[in-house]
N, C-alpha and C. Protein backbone atom coordinates (compact mmCIF):
# COMPACT_ATOMS: atom_id res chain seq x y z
N MET A 1 26.96 -37.91 -17.81
CA MET A 1 27.88 -39.06 -17.79
C MET A 1 28.05 -39.61 -16.39
N PHE A 2 28.20 -38.69 -15.43
CA PHE A 2 28.38 -39.13 -14.01
C PHE A 2 27.11 -39.78 -13.50
N ASN A 3 25.96 -39.29 -13.87
CA ASN A 3 24.69 -39.88 -13.44
C ASN A 3 24.47 -41.31 -14.03
N THR A 4 25.00 -41.52 -15.21
CA THR A 4 24.92 -42.81 -15.83
C THR A 4 25.77 -43.84 -15.09
N ILE A 5 26.91 -43.44 -14.68
CA ILE A 5 27.82 -44.34 -13.95
C ILE A 5 27.24 -44.62 -12.59
N ILE A 6 26.67 -43.65 -11.92
CA ILE A 6 26.06 -43.89 -10.63
C ILE A 6 24.83 -44.81 -10.80
N GLY A 7 24.03 -44.61 -11.82
CA GLY A 7 22.91 -45.46 -12.12
C GLY A 7 23.30 -46.91 -12.35
N LEU A 8 24.33 -47.11 -13.15
CA LEU A 8 24.77 -48.49 -13.43
C LEU A 8 25.42 -49.15 -12.19
N ALA A 9 26.15 -48.39 -11.38
CA ALA A 9 26.67 -48.93 -10.17
C ALA A 9 25.55 -49.29 -9.18
N ALA A 10 24.55 -48.46 -9.02
CA ALA A 10 23.38 -48.73 -8.21
C ALA A 10 22.66 -49.97 -8.68
N PHE A 11 22.48 -50.08 -9.93
CA PHE A 11 21.76 -51.29 -10.53
C PHE A 11 22.58 -52.54 -10.24
N ALA A 12 23.91 -52.50 -10.42
CA ALA A 12 24.79 -53.61 -10.17
C ALA A 12 24.71 -53.97 -8.67
N ALA A 13 24.75 -52.99 -7.87
CA ALA A 13 24.73 -53.27 -6.36
C ALA A 13 23.42 -53.93 -5.97
N ILE A 14 22.29 -53.39 -6.47
CA ILE A 14 21.03 -53.97 -6.13
C ILE A 14 20.85 -55.42 -6.69
N ALA A 15 21.37 -55.60 -7.88
CA ALA A 15 21.35 -56.95 -8.46
C ALA A 15 22.16 -57.94 -7.65
N LEU A 16 23.38 -57.52 -7.25
CA LEU A 16 24.22 -58.41 -6.43
C LEU A 16 23.58 -58.72 -5.08
N ILE A 17 22.97 -57.75 -4.50
CA ILE A 17 22.39 -57.90 -3.15
C ILE A 17 21.15 -58.87 -3.31
N GLY A 18 20.41 -58.67 -4.34
CA GLY A 18 19.25 -59.62 -4.58
C GLY A 18 19.71 -61.02 -4.89
N TRP A 19 20.79 -61.17 -5.65
CA TRP A 19 21.30 -62.52 -5.88
C TRP A 19 21.84 -63.14 -4.59
N ALA A 20 22.54 -62.36 -3.76
CA ALA A 20 23.08 -62.97 -2.56
C ALA A 20 21.94 -63.38 -1.58
N ILE A 21 20.86 -62.59 -1.55
CA ILE A 21 19.72 -62.94 -0.71
C ILE A 21 19.13 -64.26 -1.23
N ALA A 22 18.95 -64.35 -2.49
CA ALA A 22 18.36 -65.61 -3.07
C ALA A 22 19.22 -66.87 -2.79
N GLU A 23 20.55 -66.65 -2.91
CA GLU A 23 21.46 -67.76 -2.63
C GLU A 23 21.43 -68.19 -1.18
N ILE A 24 21.38 -67.23 -0.30
CA ILE A 24 21.32 -67.52 1.19
C ILE A 24 20.01 -68.20 1.53
N LYS A 25 18.92 -67.73 0.96
CA LYS A 25 17.59 -68.25 1.28
C LYS A 25 17.56 -69.72 0.77
N GLY A 26 18.10 -70.00 -0.38
CA GLY A 26 18.10 -71.34 -0.91
C GLY A 26 18.85 -72.30 -0.04
N LYS A 27 19.97 -71.86 0.54
CA LYS A 27 20.75 -72.73 1.40
C LYS A 27 20.17 -72.83 2.83
N ALA A 28 19.51 -71.80 3.28
CA ALA A 28 19.01 -71.80 4.68
C ALA A 28 17.69 -72.53 4.81
N CYS A 29 16.91 -72.59 3.71
CA CYS A 29 15.52 -73.17 3.77
C CYS A 29 15.59 -74.47 3.00
N GLY A 30 16.06 -75.54 3.55
CA GLY A 30 16.09 -76.78 2.88
C GLY A 30 14.80 -77.56 3.09
N TYR A 31 14.55 -78.53 2.18
CA TYR A 31 13.32 -79.34 2.31
C TYR A 31 13.77 -80.77 2.27
N GLU A 32 13.14 -81.51 3.17
CA GLU A 32 13.43 -82.98 3.26
C GLU A 32 12.07 -83.66 3.30
N LYS A 33 11.95 -84.70 2.47
CA LYS A 33 10.68 -85.44 2.40
C LYS A 33 10.54 -86.29 3.67
N ASN A 34 9.30 -86.34 4.20
CA ASN A 34 8.94 -87.20 5.30
C ASN A 34 8.81 -88.66 4.80
N GLN A 35 8.57 -89.58 5.73
CA GLN A 35 8.52 -90.97 5.37
C GLN A 35 7.31 -91.30 4.49
N MET A 36 6.21 -90.60 4.73
CA MET A 36 4.98 -90.89 3.93
C MET A 36 5.29 -90.47 2.47
N GLU A 37 5.91 -89.35 2.22
CA GLU A 37 6.19 -88.91 0.92
C GLU A 37 7.15 -89.90 0.17
N LYS A 38 8.13 -90.38 0.97
CA LYS A 38 9.07 -91.35 0.41
C LYS A 38 8.38 -92.63 0.05
N ASP A 39 7.43 -93.05 0.82
CA ASP A 39 6.66 -94.32 0.55
C ASP A 39 5.82 -94.10 -0.70
N VAL A 40 5.18 -92.99 -0.88
CA VAL A 40 4.38 -92.72 -2.01
C VAL A 40 5.24 -92.69 -3.29
N ASP A 41 6.42 -92.04 -3.18
CA ASP A 41 7.30 -92.07 -4.38
C ASP A 41 7.76 -93.44 -4.77
N GLU A 42 8.00 -94.30 -3.75
CA GLU A 42 8.46 -95.62 -4.00
C GLU A 42 7.33 -96.42 -4.68
N GLN A 43 6.12 -96.29 -4.18
CA GLN A 43 4.95 -96.96 -4.78
C GLN A 43 4.74 -96.56 -6.19
N GLN A 44 4.84 -95.26 -6.52
CA GLN A 44 4.66 -94.75 -7.84
C GLN A 44 5.79 -95.32 -8.75
N ALA A 45 7.05 -95.36 -8.25
CA ALA A 45 8.11 -95.90 -9.12
C ALA A 45 7.86 -97.33 -9.40
N GLN A 46 7.44 -98.19 -8.42
CA GLN A 46 7.14 -99.57 -8.63
C GLN A 46 6.02 -99.73 -9.62
N PHE A 47 4.99 -98.92 -9.51
CA PHE A 47 3.89 -99.01 -10.50
C PHE A 47 4.37 -98.69 -11.92
N LEU A 48 5.12 -97.72 -12.07
CA LEU A 48 5.58 -97.32 -13.38
C LEU A 48 6.47 -98.39 -14.00
N HIS A 49 7.41 -98.97 -13.24
CA HIS A 49 8.25 -100.03 -13.70
C HIS A 49 7.52 -101.34 -13.99
N LYS A 50 6.49 -101.58 -13.24
CA LYS A 50 5.72 -102.76 -13.45
C LYS A 50 4.92 -102.65 -14.75
N ASN A 51 4.52 -101.46 -15.14
CA ASN A 51 3.73 -101.27 -16.38
C ASN A 51 4.58 -100.90 -17.55
N GLY A 52 5.86 -101.17 -17.53
CA GLY A 52 6.76 -101.08 -18.70
C GLY A 52 7.47 -99.73 -18.89
N PHE A 53 7.42 -98.91 -17.84
CA PHE A 53 8.16 -97.66 -17.95
C PHE A 53 9.65 -97.78 -17.95
N HIS A 54 10.38 -97.09 -18.80
CA HIS A 54 11.82 -97.05 -18.78
C HIS A 54 12.28 -95.67 -19.14
N GLU A 55 13.38 -95.23 -18.57
CA GLU A 55 13.90 -93.93 -18.85
C GLU A 55 14.56 -93.94 -20.20
N LEU A 56 14.40 -92.83 -20.96
CA LEU A 56 15.03 -92.69 -22.24
C LEU A 56 16.45 -92.29 -22.15
N SER A 57 17.31 -92.85 -22.99
CA SER A 57 18.65 -92.33 -23.02
C SER A 57 18.67 -91.14 -23.99
N ILE A 58 19.77 -90.46 -24.01
CA ILE A 58 19.87 -89.25 -24.84
C ILE A 58 19.73 -89.63 -26.30
N LYS A 59 20.17 -90.81 -26.72
CA LYS A 59 20.02 -91.30 -28.13
C LYS A 59 18.60 -91.51 -28.46
N ASP A 60 17.82 -92.04 -27.48
CA ASP A 60 16.35 -92.24 -27.69
C ASP A 60 15.65 -90.91 -27.82
N VAL A 61 16.07 -89.95 -27.04
CA VAL A 61 15.40 -88.62 -27.07
C VAL A 61 15.74 -87.95 -28.44
N ILE A 62 17.02 -88.07 -28.93
CA ILE A 62 17.30 -87.40 -30.13
C ILE A 62 16.53 -88.03 -31.33
N LYS A 63 16.28 -89.37 -31.25
CA LYS A 63 15.49 -89.97 -32.29
C LYS A 63 14.06 -89.51 -32.30
N SER A 64 13.52 -89.20 -31.13
CA SER A 64 12.12 -88.85 -31.05
C SER A 64 11.85 -87.36 -31.21
N ILE A 65 12.87 -86.49 -31.24
CA ILE A 65 12.56 -85.07 -31.41
C ILE A 65 13.07 -84.59 -32.77
N SER A 66 12.64 -83.48 -33.15
CA SER A 66 13.02 -82.92 -34.45
C SER A 66 14.32 -82.10 -34.31
N THR A 67 15.46 -82.75 -34.58
CA THR A 67 16.77 -82.07 -34.48
C THR A 67 17.21 -81.49 -35.78
N LYS A 68 16.61 -81.94 -36.86
CA LYS A 68 17.06 -81.49 -38.14
C LYS A 68 15.94 -80.59 -38.88
N GLY A 69 14.97 -80.20 -38.12
CA GLY A 69 13.89 -79.46 -38.67
C GLY A 69 12.80 -80.27 -39.13
N PHE A 70 11.84 -79.71 -39.77
CA PHE A 70 10.60 -80.43 -40.25
C PHE A 70 10.77 -80.77 -41.69
N LYS A 71 10.30 -81.97 -41.98
CA LYS A 71 10.31 -82.47 -43.37
C LYS A 71 9.12 -81.89 -44.14
N THR A 72 9.39 -81.25 -45.25
CA THR A 72 8.27 -80.75 -46.06
C THR A 72 7.83 -81.75 -47.04
N THR A 73 6.54 -81.86 -47.27
CA THR A 73 6.00 -82.82 -48.23
C THR A 73 5.46 -82.15 -49.43
């Protein structure tokens, strides 16, 4: 019984330490796009919009996916 409690406490401690390291790493190592990447993104967005691309609303997505299951024939 005592070994089980120690094992669970050790597991929880290791999990919390790993989670804290991941959170700190995510905040410490930021990424910012350079000007060339921003220019390429803008060119791609203009190309997509020029060729008729538009973002779907949630209503459009619900219409196009199977939310009620498959129809059997």
